[in-house]
Amino acid sequence: MRNSSVLSVSLLALLVAGAGIALVQRVRRVSPPQRNGSMLRVDRNGDLQDAIDQAQPGDTIVLEAGAVYKGPITLPVKSGSNFITIQSSRASDLPEGVRVSPSQAALLVKVQSATNGEPIIKTKPGAHHYKFVGIEFSTTDASVKVNDLIRLGDWHSQTTLESVPHHLIIDRSYIHGFKTQEVQRGIALNSAETSITNSYISDVHGIGYDTQAICGWNGPGPFKIINNYLEGAGENVMFGGADPAIAQLIPSDIEFRNNYVFKPLSWHVKDPSFAGTHWSVKNLFELKNARNVIIDGNIFENNWTDAQAGRAILFTVRNEQTTAPWSTIENVQFTNNIVKNSPAALNLLGTDAPKPSGRGTGLRIANNLFLDIREAFFTIQGYYDVVVEHNTHFQSGNIMILYGEPSLRFTYRNNLTIRDSNGYGVKGDGTGEGTIALNMFTPGFKFEKNVIANAQASLYPPQNFFPNSIAAVGFVDYERGNYRLRPDSRFHAAATDGTDPGANFDKLPKFPFDKQ
């Protein structure tokens, strides 16, 4: 609580100055937080920053659902290891583990800022143990100019691990720009021990520059990004993209599970639903500097050629400003995902040559479904220890494009696909199709027990299957989108592990696609 005698003196000084009556009235209208044990209640006329400043570790700050609280807000450093929780008075009406949506706005608390250039929430260096539940974060309207809606950590002054904010949670919250507003990031994620869960981030877009729902490059992790709706025009989600200010930092231990990563077609200038603003579009998910990443059970939908070539998922090592030669991508699992409606699916780049960088190594792409891929499924250069297995993927262009520096210890097995008449199957730059390309660009490869319909068997390694038509594959119902194999398919149980080639559909996210 504020010291009443100090406040009285301050008010008296304003009165003596002869110009402070309106200010006195304004101060009196702000209700102070009311403490009840470890709970601070702040009514709709209250001061959220004041409540956060007063709160002690273990406190819960309860805000009035439907009310608007003024930002920007700064999270200060407190001693202790218990969370300070800031939540809606109706948080109990938001089931744990269930993603929120804009339709639940009445249950949420609005925290808004009208200050140009300032995030709605930001952290002091080393701030820790804050949790938000049931909050709607936005500017007051589309005219407010901000880069980050929420800024967890920094990238200029944050040069040591000790200065990194940590133990931060955003749960069941709605973070958004406005349909005509330019916003660079929903969350700048340059922190440690941070979870973004069950939340909804939308309308993050800009003209002529990169924008992301979530982006991190100067925080060590670990990060949990689980069960969110994520909408961003540039890269919906990215790690890397700018060089870290902390020496040798690699964002690490990232869990990215059960998210719906989506670009509205109303942003696409060639779609009938185009809303009139040409936002700069690049891809759906990109790693440029990351280690120990699990990308599992997500849906990635809608991408197109615009500010970039239109590949949906990128694992491309980048020493962006040439000051981070340690940049690498290591130990990544891309499993049980659905990728839908993109010009191309996957792009792998193992180094940032001629810039100095580390080596991309250790990537497993397994049990995924790729649909409506209009060009190449897979492009790779100089990426080591890649395993592509048990995927079902349909593309109109090449199955693979192999080029540049060889990719050592490459494995492609137990996959199911169709060689389109417009593509070249597995194609090497300046070489032919199939084995000749694999020998040149993936020496020592393993290529076995794949079903590749319409491909010419003589061009490929033995121990694979080459049905001469889609009908000969034995899908349950290809025309209606059931891509499982029938029990009587000649390829049933033909994979190296005794299961069916292609994806196990029981492990994929809910299908068809659903934002909720």
Protein backbone atom coordinates (compact mmCIF):
# COMPACT_ATOMS: atom_id res chain seq x y z
CA MET A 1 0.00 0.00 0.00
CA ARG A 2 1.18 3.56 -0.65
CA ASN A 3 2.27 5.58 2.41
CA SER A 4 -0.76 7.79 3.18
CA SER A 5 1.26 10.64 4.67
CA VAL A 6 3.51 10.85 1.64
CA LEU A 7 0.48 10.85 -0.64
CA SER A 8 -1.15 13.64 1.38
CA VAL A 9 1.95 15.80 1.12
CA SER A 10 2.08 15.26 -2.63
CA LEU A 11 -1.56 16.26 -3.03
CA LEU A 12 -1.08 19.33 -0.84
CA ALA A 13 1.82 20.43 -3.00
CA LEU A 14 -0.34 20.21 -6.07
CA LEU A 15 -3.08 22.26 -4.42
CA VAL A 16 -0.65 24.93 -3.35
CA ALA A 17 0.58 25.12 -6.94
CA GLY A 18 -2.95 26.13 -7.86
CA ALA A 19 -3.20 23.83 -10.89
CA GLY A 20 -3.67 20.41 -9.44
CA ILE A 21 -7.39 20.02 -8.74
CA ALA A 22 -8.01 17.76 -11.72
CA LEU A 23 -5.02 15.63 -10.78
CA VAL A 24 -6.28 15.28 -7.23
CA GLN A 25 -9.62 14.06 -8.52
CA ARG A 26 -7.89 11.61 -10.86
CA VAL A 27 -5.77 10.16 -8.08
CA ARG A 28 -8.81 9.74 -5.88
CA ARG A 29 -10.62 7.84 -8.62
CA VAL A 30 -7.87 5.19 -8.75
CA SER A 31 -8.77 2.46 -6.31
CA PRO A 32 -5.81 1.00 -4.42
CA PRO A 33 -5.35 -2.78 -4.45
CA GLN A 34 -7.17 -4.49 -1.61
CA ARG A 35 -5.11 -7.21 0.05
CA ASN A 36 -6.79 -10.32 1.46
CA GLY A 37 -4.02 -12.62 2.61
CA SER A 38 -1.95 -13.43 -0.46
CA MET A 39 -4.62 -12.05 -2.82
CA LEU A 40 -4.72 -8.49 -4.13
CA ARG A 41 -7.98 -7.43 -5.76
CA VAL A 42 -7.81 -4.54 -8.21
CA ASP A 43 -11.17 -3.20 -9.35
CA ARG A 44 -11.78 -1.67 -12.77
CA ASN A 45 -10.61 1.74 -11.57
CA GLY A 46 -7.42 0.35 -10.08
CA ASP A 47 -3.76 0.71 -11.02
CA LEU A 48 -2.28 -2.57 -12.27
CA GLN A 49 1.31 -1.35 -12.20
CA ASP A 50 0.87 -0.26 -8.58
CA ALA A 51 -0.49 -3.70 -7.68
CA ILE A 52 2.42 -5.47 -9.38
CA ASP A 53 4.90 -3.19 -7.62
CA GLN A 54 3.30 -4.00 -4.25
CA ALA A 55 2.91 -7.74 -4.82
CA GLN A 56 5.15 -10.26 -3.11
CA PRO A 57 6.16 -13.69 -4.47
CA GLY A 58 3.26 -16.08 -3.98
CA ASP A 59 0.62 -13.34 -4.33
CA THR A 60 -2.28 -13.52 -6.77
CA ILE A 61 -3.48 -10.26 -8.33
CA VAL A 62 -7.13 -10.62 -9.33
CA LEU A 63 -8.43 -8.24 -12.01
CA GLU A 64 -12.08 -7.65 -12.88
CA ALA A 65 -13.18 -9.64 -15.93
CA GLY A 66 -14.29 -7.36 -18.77
CA ALA A 67 -12.50 -4.33 -17.34
CA VAL A 68 -9.72 -2.38 -19.07
CA TYR A 69 -6.43 -1.79 -17.24
CA LYS A 70 -3.93 0.74 -18.47
CA GLY A 71 -0.47 -0.23 -19.72
CA PRO A 72 2.33 -0.26 -20.51
CA ILE A 73 3.33 -2.52 -17.63
CA THR A 74 6.84 -3.33 -16.46
CA LEU A 75 7.58 -6.48 -14.46
CA PRO A 76 10.10 -5.63 -11.73
CA VAL A 77 12.61 -7.88 -10.00
CA LYS A 78 11.42 -9.49 -6.76
CA SER A 79 13.23 -11.79 -4.40
CA GLY A 80 11.84 -15.28 -3.89
CA SER A 81 10.92 -18.23 -6.08
CA ASN A 82 7.11 -18.27 -5.87
CA PHE A 83 5.06 -16.96 -8.78
CA ILE A 84 3.16 -13.70 -8.74
CA THR A 85 -0.01 -14.54 -10.65
CA ILE A 86 -2.01 -11.88 -12.50
CA GLN A 87 -5.38 -13.29 -13.52
CA SER A 88 -8.96 -12.59 -14.49
CA SER A 89 -11.63 -12.81 -11.80
CA ARG A 90 -13.25 -15.42 -14.08
CA ALA A 91 -10.14 -17.51 -14.66
CA SER A 92 -11.93 -20.51 -13.17
CA ASP A 93 -14.35 -20.37 -16.12
CA LEU A 94 -11.43 -20.97 -18.48
CA PRO A 95 -10.70 -24.71 -18.21
CA GLU A 96 -7.07 -25.59 -17.68
CA GLY A 97 -5.42 -27.11 -20.72
CA VAL A 98 -8.04 -25.71 -23.13
CA ARG A 99 -7.09 -23.05 -25.68
CA VAL A 100 -8.94 -19.75 -25.35
CA SER A 101 -10.48 -17.92 -28.29
CA PRO A 102 -11.66 -14.34 -28.98
CA SER A 103 -15.24 -15.48 -28.40
CA GLN A 104 -14.40 -15.74 -24.68
CA ALA A 105 -13.46 -12.07 -24.35
CA ALA A 106 -16.08 -11.49 -21.63
CA LEU A 107 -14.14 -13.85 -19.35
CA LEU A 108 -10.86 -12.03 -19.93
CA VAL A 109 -9.26 -8.86 -18.58
CA LYS A 110 -8.12 -6.24 -21.08
CA VAL A 111 -4.63 -4.83 -20.56
CA GLN A 112 -4.08 -2.12 -23.16
CA SER A 113 -1.52 0.53 -24.01
CA ALA A 114 -1.80 3.73 -26.03
CA THR A 115 1.94 4.47 -25.81
CA ASN A 116 3.69 4.39 -29.17
CA GLY A 117 6.86 2.31 -29.25
CA GLU A 118 6.26 0.59 -25.91
CA PRO A 119 5.18 -3.04 -25.46
CA ILE A 120 2.12 -3.67 -23.34
CA ILE A 121 4.20 -5.91 -21.07
CA LYS A 122 7.97 -5.80 -20.70
CA THR A 123 10.45 -7.09 -18.15
CA LYS A 124 13.17 -5.53 -16.08
CA PRO A 125 16.54 -7.30 -16.46
CA GLY A 126 16.40 -10.48 -14.37
CA ALA A 127 12.68 -10.26 -13.57
CA HIS A 128 11.26 -13.66 -12.73
CA HIS A 129 8.31 -15.75 -11.55
CA TYR A 130 5.34 -14.00 -13.16
CA LYS A 131 2.26 -15.78 -14.49
CA PHE A 132 -0.64 -14.33 -16.50
CA VAL A 133 -3.97 -16.15 -16.84
CA GLY A 134 -7.03 -14.95 -18.73
CA ILE A 135 -5.67 -11.65 -20.07
CA GLU A 136 -6.40 -9.94 -23.39
CA PHE A 137 -3.31 -7.96 -24.43
CA SER A 138 -3.58 -5.30 -27.13
CA THR A 139 -3.04 -1.65 -27.88
CA THR A 140 -6.05 0.62 -27.40
CA ASP A 141 -6.66 0.75 -31.16
CA ALA A 142 -5.01 0.23 -34.53
CA SER A 143 -3.41 3.68 -34.60
CA VAL A 144 -0.90 2.83 -31.83
CA LYS A 145 2.54 1.93 -33.21
CA VAL A 146 4.44 -0.81 -31.36
CA ASN A 147 7.02 -3.41 -32.33
CA ASP A 148 6.27 -6.05 -29.68
CA LEU A 149 2.94 -6.54 -27.96
CA ILE A 150 4.75 -8.47 -25.23
CA ARG A 151 8.52 -8.25 -24.71
CA LEU A 152 10.05 -10.90 -22.46
CA GLY A 153 13.71 -10.04 -22.22
CA ASP A 154 15.74 -7.71 -24.40
CA TRP A 155 18.27 -7.94 -27.22
CA HIS A 156 20.41 -4.80 -26.86
CA SER A 157 21.19 -4.41 -23.16
CA GLN A 158 20.79 -8.11 -22.31
CA THR A 159 24.40 -9.28 -22.68
CA THR A 160 24.75 -11.78 -19.81
CA LEU A 161 22.76 -14.81 -18.70
CA GLU A 162 22.29 -13.18 -15.29
CA SER A 163 20.26 -10.39 -16.89
CA VAL A 164 17.83 -12.75 -18.63
CA PRO A 165 14.24 -12.78 -17.24
CA HIS A 166 13.07 -16.26 -16.31
CA HIS A 167 10.20 -18.37 -14.99
CA LEU A 168 7.49 -16.59 -16.96
CA ILE A 169 4.10 -18.05 -17.93
CA ILE A 170 1.37 -16.78 -20.24
CA ASP A 171 -1.62 -19.11 -20.11
CA ARG A 172 -5.15 -18.95 -21.59
CA SER A 173 -4.63 -15.42 -22.89
CA TYR A 174 -5.52 -13.53 -26.08
CA ILE A 175 -2.74 -11.45 -27.63
CA HIS A 176 -3.57 -9.53 -30.77
CA GLY A 177 -3.08 -6.64 -33.10
CA PHE A 178 -5.90 -5.18 -35.15
CA LYS A 179 -6.77 -6.10 -38.72
CA THR A 180 -5.26 -2.90 -40.19
CA GLN A 181 -2.45 -2.46 -37.64
CA GLU A 182 1.25 -3.08 -38.21
CA VAL A 183 2.74 -5.11 -35.36
CA GLN A 184 6.12 -6.81 -35.60
CA ARG A 185 5.76 -9.47 -32.91
CA GLY A 186 3.11 -10.90 -30.65
CA ILE A 187 5.74 -12.09 -28.17
CA ALA A 188 9.47 -11.34 -28.28
CA LEU A 189 10.72 -14.41 -26.44
CA ASN A 190 14.22 -13.57 -25.17
CA SER A 191 13.95 -15.15 -21.76
CA ALA A 192 14.57 -18.42 -19.91
CA GLU A 193 12.18 -20.99 -18.37
CA THR A 194 9.17 -19.57 -20.22
CA SER A 195 5.84 -21.18 -21.14
CA ILE A 196 3.25 -19.90 -23.63
CA THR A 197 0.22 -22.17 -23.36
CA ASN A 198 -3.44 -22.44 -24.37
CA SER A 199 -3.39 -18.93 -25.86
CA TYR A 200 -4.46 -17.17 -29.05
CA ILE A 201 -2.16 -14.79 -30.94
CA SER A 202 -3.54 -13.10 -34.04
CA ASP A 203 -3.25 -10.18 -36.47
CA VAL A 204 0.52 -9.85 -36.27
CA HIS A 205 1.56 -8.40 -39.62
CA GLY A 206 3.55 -5.68 -41.35
CA ILE A 207 4.49 -4.30 -44.75
CA GLY A 208 8.05 -4.74 -46.00
CA TYR A 209 9.53 -6.40 -42.90
CA ASP A 210 9.43 -9.67 -40.96
CA THR A 211 6.68 -10.24 -38.41
CA GLN A 212 6.12 -13.17 -36.05
CA ALA A 213 3.51 -14.35 -33.59
CA ILE A 214 6.46 -15.59 -31.49
CA CYS A 215 10.15 -14.97 -32.09
CA GLY A 216 13.20 -15.56 -29.88
CA TRP A 217 16.93 -15.10 -30.44
CA ASN A 218 18.57 -13.73 -27.26
CA GLY A 219 17.17 -16.05 -24.58
CA PRO A 220 18.61 -19.46 -23.67
CA GLY A 221 15.35 -21.29 -22.96
CA PRO A 222 13.94 -23.71 -22.09
CA PHE A 223 10.68 -22.78 -23.80
CA LYS A 224 7.31 -24.53 -23.82
CA ILE A 225 4.93 -23.34 -26.57
CA ILE A 226 1.95 -25.63 -26.25
CA ASN A 227 -1.64 -25.65 -27.56
CA ASN A 228 -1.77 -22.14 -29.01
CA TYR A 229 -3.30 -20.56 -32.10
CA LEU A 230 -0.47 -18.62 -33.78
CA GLU A 231 -1.05 -16.17 -36.60
CA GLY A 232 1.81 -14.15 -38.10
CA ALA A 233 2.46 -12.85 -41.59
CA GLY A 234 6.24 -13.22 -41.89
CA GLU A 235 7.36 -16.30 -40.01
CA ASN A 236 4.56 -17.36 -37.70
CA VAL A 237 7.22 -18.73 -35.33
CA MET A 238 10.99 -18.28 -35.52
CA PHE A 239 14.07 -18.88 -33.39
CA GLY A 240 17.11 -16.95 -34.58
CA GLY A 241 16.78 -14.28 -37.24
CA ALA A 242 19.00 -11.83 -35.37
CA ASP A 243 22.33 -12.46 -33.71
CA PRO A 244 22.17 -12.87 -29.92
CA ALA A 245 23.86 -10.23 -27.79
CA ILE A 246 24.88 -12.95 -25.31
CA ALA A 247 28.05 -14.70 -26.45
CA GLN A 248 27.67 -18.34 -27.51
CA LEU A 249 23.90 -18.29 -26.91
CA ILE A 250 21.76 -20.84 -28.75
CA PRO A 251 18.02 -20.95 -27.91
CA SER A 252 17.67 -24.47 -26.53
CA ASP A 253 15.27 -27.05 -25.11
CA ILE A 254 12.24 -25.89 -27.04
CA GLU A 255 8.95 -27.82 -26.91
CA PHE A 256 6.51 -26.82 -29.62
CA ARG A 257 3.46 -29.05 -29.33
CA ASN A 258 -0.22 -29.14 -30.33
CA ASN A 259 -0.30 -25.66 -31.86
CA TYR A 260 -2.34 -24.45 -34.82
CA VAL A 261 -0.06 -22.31 -37.00
CA PHE A 262 -2.17 -20.46 -39.55
CA LYS A 263 -2.17 -17.64 -42.11
CA PRO A 264 -5.62 -16.32 -43.10
CA LEU A 265 -6.22 -16.35 -46.84
CA SER A 266 -7.59 -12.82 -46.46
CA TRP A 267 -3.90 -11.78 -46.40
CA HIS A 268 -3.26 -13.38 -49.80
CA VAL A 269 -3.47 -10.86 -52.64
CA LYS A 270 -4.56 -13.56 -55.11
CA ASP A 271 -7.29 -15.08 -52.95
CA PRO A 272 -10.96 -14.02 -53.43
CA SER A 273 -11.14 -13.22 -49.70
CA PHE A 274 -8.21 -10.73 -49.84
CA ALA A 275 -8.93 -7.92 -47.38
CA GLY A 276 -6.94 -5.20 -49.16
CA THR A 277 -3.60 -4.90 -47.32
CA HIS A 278 -0.55 -6.64 -48.79
CA TRP A 279 1.24 -7.93 -45.69
CA SER A 280 4.73 -9.42 -46.23
CA VAL A 281 4.47 -13.22 -46.06
CA LYS A 282 7.36 -15.70 -45.73
CA ASN A 283 6.79 -19.05 -44.02
CA LEU A 284 5.07 -20.89 -41.17
CA PHE A 285 7.97 -22.03 -38.96
CA GLU A 286 11.70 -21.39 -39.09
CA LEU A 287 14.76 -22.31 -37.06
CA LYS A 288 17.98 -20.37 -37.71
CA ASN A 289 19.79 -20.94 -34.41
CA ALA A 290 18.39 -23.59 -32.07
CA ARG A 291 19.28 -26.76 -30.21
CA ASN A 292 17.21 -29.61 -28.74
CA VAL A 293 13.83 -28.85 -30.30
CA ILE A 294 10.67 -30.97 -30.31
CA ILE A 295 8.02 -29.95 -32.87
CA ASP A 296 5.21 -32.43 -32.34
CA GLY A 297 1.49 -32.74 -33.00
CA ASN A 298 1.00 -29.35 -34.68
CA ILE A 299 -1.04 -28.21 -37.67
CA PHE A 300 0.64 -25.79 -40.10
CA GLU A 301 -1.77 -24.36 -42.66
CA ASN A 302 -1.61 -21.84 -45.53
CA ASN A 303 1.51 -20.36 -47.01
CA TRP A 304 2.26 -18.78 -50.37
CA THR A 305 5.03 -17.19 -52.42
CA ASP A 306 5.39 -13.53 -51.47
CA ALA A 307 8.40 -12.03 -49.66
CA GLN A 308 10.00 -15.48 -49.77
CA ALA A 309 9.86 -18.56 -52.01
CA GLY A 310 6.92 -20.12 -50.16
CA ARG A 311 8.46 -23.02 -48.24
CA ALA A 312 6.40 -23.87 -45.17
CA ILE A 313 9.03 -25.24 -42.73
CA LEU A 314 12.65 -24.06 -42.72
CA PHE A 315 15.67 -25.40 -40.85
CA THR A 316 18.34 -23.01 -42.15
CA VAL A 317 21.47 -22.20 -40.14
CA ARG A 318 22.04 -18.43 -40.15
CA ASN A 319 24.73 -16.20 -38.68
CA GLU A 320 22.49 -13.28 -39.51
CA GLN A 321 24.70 -10.23 -38.85
CA THR A 322 28.01 -12.19 -38.95
CA THR A 323 28.56 -11.69 -35.18
CA ALA A 324 27.37 -15.16 -34.10
CA PRO A 325 29.60 -17.74 -35.83
CA TRP A 326 28.46 -20.39 -33.32
CA SER A 327 24.94 -20.37 -34.82
CA THR A 328 23.68 -23.89 -35.51
CA ILE A 329 20.64 -26.14 -35.55
CA GLU A 330 21.11 -29.37 -33.63
CA ASN A 331 18.96 -32.26 -32.43
CA VAL A 332 15.51 -31.46 -33.81
CA GLN A 333 12.48 -33.77 -33.87
CA PHE A 334 9.70 -32.87 -36.34
CA THR A 335 7.05 -35.50 -35.66
CA ASN A 336 3.30 -36.17 -35.90
CA ASN A 337 2.50 -32.88 -37.65
CA ILE A 338 0.20 -31.90 -40.52
CA VAL A 339 1.43 -29.37 -43.09
CA LYS A 340 -1.21 -28.17 -45.54
CA ASN A 341 -1.43 -25.78 -48.50
CA SER A 342 2.00 -24.41 -49.32
CA PRO A 343 4.10 -24.06 -52.48
CA ALA A 344 6.85 -26.19 -50.89
CA ALA A 345 7.15 -28.11 -47.64
CA LEU A 346 10.68 -28.32 -46.17
CA ASN A 347 13.95 -26.46 -46.73
CA LEU A 348 17.19 -27.55 -45.03
CA LEU A 349 20.41 -25.52 -45.14
CA GLY A 350 23.29 -26.88 -43.09
CA THR A 351 25.59 -23.83 -42.96
CA ASP A 352 25.47 -20.12 -43.68
CA ALA A 353 28.49 -20.17 -46.01
CA PRO A 354 30.31 -18.01 -46.88
CA LYS A 355 29.50 -16.55 -43.46
CA PRO A 356 31.10 -18.56 -40.63
CA SER A 357 28.59 -20.75 -38.79
CA GLY A 358 28.06 -24.06 -37.09
CA ARG A 359 26.70 -27.13 -38.84
CA GLY A 360 23.08 -28.23 -38.92
CA THR A 361 23.03 -31.79 -37.69
CA GLY A 362 20.64 -34.29 -36.15
CA LEU A 363 17.16 -33.82 -37.65
CA ARG A 364 14.39 -36.44 -37.64
CA ILE A 365 11.28 -35.83 -39.75
CA ALA A 366 8.89 -38.64 -38.93
CA ASN A 367 5.20 -39.54 -39.08
CA ASN A 368 3.95 -36.35 -40.71
CA LEU A 369 1.29 -35.68 -43.34
CA PHE A 370 1.99 -33.11 -46.07
CA LEU A 371 -0.98 -32.10 -48.23
CA ASP A 372 -1.54 -29.65 -51.08
CA ILE A 373 2.18 -29.06 -51.62
CA ARG A 374 2.33 -27.44 -55.05
CA GLU A 375 6.08 -27.63 -55.72
CA ALA A 376 8.94 -29.57 -54.07
CA PHE A 377 8.43 -31.54 -50.88
CA PHE A 378 12.02 -31.38 -49.65
CA THR A 379 15.15 -29.31 -50.40
CA ILE A 380 18.51 -29.96 -48.72
CA GLN A 381 22.10 -28.74 -48.81
CA GLY A 382 24.92 -29.60 -46.42
CA TYR A 383 22.76 -30.78 -43.52
CA TYR A 384 24.11 -33.83 -41.68
CA ASP A 385 22.40 -36.78 -39.96
CA VAL A 386 18.91 -36.26 -41.37
CA VAL A 387 16.33 -39.05 -41.08
CA VAL A 388 13.08 -38.75 -43.07
CA GLU A 389 10.81 -41.69 -42.25
CA HIS A 390 7.17 -42.77 -42.16
CA ASN A 391 5.82 -39.61 -43.81
CA THR A 392 2.91 -39.41 -46.20
CA HIS A 393 3.50 -36.50 -48.56
CA PHE A 394 1.83 -35.36 -51.76
CA GLN A 395 3.49 -32.72 -53.91
CA SER A 396 3.09 -31.49 -57.47
CA GLY A 397 6.80 -30.76 -57.97
CA ASN A 398 9.93 -32.72 -57.15
CA ILE A 399 9.99 -35.13 -54.24
CA MET A 400 13.47 -33.79 -53.37
CA ILE A 401 15.87 -31.15 -54.61
CA LEU A 402 19.48 -32.02 -53.72
CA TYR A 403 22.19 -29.45 -54.36
CA GLY A 404 25.38 -27.77 -53.18
CA GLU A 405 27.48 -29.22 -50.36
CA PRO A 406 26.75 -32.93 -49.75
CA SER A 407 24.49 -33.93 -46.87
CA LEU A 408 26.18 -36.78 -45.03
CA ARG A 409 24.44 -39.73 -43.32
CA PHE A 410 21.08 -39.11 -44.98
CA THR A 411 18.22 -41.59 -44.51
CA TYR A 412 14.90 -41.72 -46.37
CA ARG A 413 12.83 -44.78 -45.49
CA ASN A 414 9.27 -46.06 -45.07
CA ASN A 415 7.73 -43.00 -46.73
CA LEU A 416 4.72 -42.95 -49.03
CA THR A 417 4.40 -40.50 -51.90
CA ILE A 418 3.45 -40.05 -55.54
CA ARG A 419 5.82 -38.90 -58.25
CA ASP A 420 3.85 -36.23 -60.05
CA SER A 421 4.20 -35.99 -63.82
CA ASN A 422 5.23 -32.33 -63.38
CA GLY A 423 8.13 -33.22 -61.10
CA TYR A 424 11.36 -35.19 -61.27
CA GLY A 425 11.13 -37.35 -58.18
CA VAL A 426 14.45 -37.20 -56.33
CA LYS A 427 16.42 -34.69 -58.43
CA GLY A 428 20.00 -33.49 -58.03
CA ASP A 429 21.25 -30.15 -59.26
CA GLY A 430 22.94 -30.74 -62.62
CA THR A 431 22.39 -34.51 -62.41
CA GLY A 432 19.62 -36.96 -63.18
CA GLU A 433 16.87 -38.46 -61.06
CA GLY A 434 17.12 -41.06 -58.31
CA THR A 435 20.28 -43.00 -57.43
CA ILE A 436 22.65 -40.78 -59.41
CA ALA A 437 21.47 -37.71 -57.48
CA LEU A 438 21.59 -39.47 -54.13
CA ASN A 439 25.15 -40.68 -54.75
CA MET A 440 26.37 -37.20 -55.58
CA PHE A 441 24.63 -35.16 -52.89
CA THR A 442 23.98 -37.67 -50.08
CA PRO A 443 26.94 -40.07 -50.19
CA GLY A 444 26.47 -43.13 -47.99
CA PHE A 445 22.68 -42.65 -48.00
CA LYS A 446 20.00 -45.12 -46.87
CA PHE A 447 16.96 -45.20 -49.14
CA GLU A 448 14.67 -48.14 -48.45
CA LYS A 449 11.11 -49.46 -48.20
CA ASN A 450 9.56 -46.32 -49.66
CA VAL A 451 6.40 -46.43 -51.76
CA ILE A 452 6.77 -44.01 -54.69
CA ALA A 453 3.86 -44.29 -57.09
CA ASN A 454 4.49 -43.53 -60.77
CA ALA A 455 8.29 -43.46 -60.42
CA GLN A 456 10.59 -45.46 -62.69
CA ALA A 457 12.09 -48.26 -60.59
CA SER A 458 15.28 -48.52 -62.66
CA LEU A 459 16.29 -45.00 -61.63
CA TYR A 460 16.13 -45.71 -57.90
CA PRO A 461 17.86 -47.94 -55.35
CA PRO A 462 16.44 -51.45 -54.88
CA GLN A 463 14.38 -52.44 -51.81
CA ASN A 464 11.71 -49.81 -52.59
CA PHE A 465 8.24 -50.06 -54.17
CA PHE A 466 7.06 -48.39 -57.36
CA PRO A 467 3.35 -48.95 -58.06
CA ASN A 468 2.39 -47.70 -61.52
CA SER A 469 -0.72 -45.81 -60.42
CA ILE A 470 -2.39 -44.24 -57.41
CA ALA A 471 -5.02 -46.98 -57.47
CA ALA A 472 -2.28 -49.59 -57.18
CA VAL A 473 -1.12 -48.16 -53.85
CA GLY A 474 -4.21 -49.48 -52.07
CA PHE A 475 -5.40 -46.39 -50.18
CA VAL A 476 -8.59 -46.77 -48.14
CA ASP A 477 -10.17 -43.82 -50.00
CA TYR A 478 -7.70 -41.52 -51.75
CA GLU A 479 -10.37 -39.32 -53.33
CA ARG A 480 -11.96 -38.51 -49.96
CA GLY A 481 -8.68 -37.98 -48.14
CA ASN A 482 -8.32 -41.27 -46.29
CA TYR A 483 -4.66 -42.04 -46.99
CA ARG A 484 -4.36 -45.14 -44.83
CA LEU A 485 -3.51 -48.37 -46.59
CA ARG A 486 -6.16 -51.05 -46.90
CA PRO A 487 -5.40 -54.38 -45.20
CA ASP A 488 -5.24 -55.95 -48.66
CA SER A 489 -2.77 -53.39 -50.03
CA ARG A 490 0.33 -55.15 -51.34
CA PHE A 491 2.38 -52.67 -49.25
CA HIS A 492 0.60 -53.36 -45.96
CA ALA A 493 3.20 -54.07 -43.23
CA ALA A 494 6.02 -53.63 -45.78
CA ALA A 495 8.07 -51.03 -43.86
CA THR A 496 11.41 -51.90 -42.28
CA ASP A 497 9.72 -52.07 -38.86
CA GLY A 498 6.83 -54.27 -40.02
CA THR A 499 4.25 -51.48 -40.09
CA ASP A 500 2.72 -49.71 -43.08
CA PRO A 501 4.84 -47.23 -45.04
CA GLY A 502 3.70 -43.64 -44.60
CA ALA A 503 2.27 -41.93 -41.54
CA ASN A 504 0.39 -43.55 -38.68
CA PHE A 505 -2.74 -41.40 -38.78
CA ASP A 506 -3.75 -42.30 -35.26
CA LYS A 507 -0.84 -40.19 -33.99
CA LEU A 508 -1.66 -37.08 -36.01
CA PRO A 509 -3.62 -34.05 -34.74
CA LYS A 510 -7.37 -33.87 -35.12
CA PHE A 511 -8.37 -33.98 -38.76
CA PRO A 512 -9.91 -32.11 -40.52
CA PHE A 513 -8.44 -28.83 -39.38
CA ASP A 514 -9.98 -26.94 -36.51
CA LYS A 515 -8.80 -23.72 -34.84
CA GLN A 516 -10.32 -24.65 -31.51
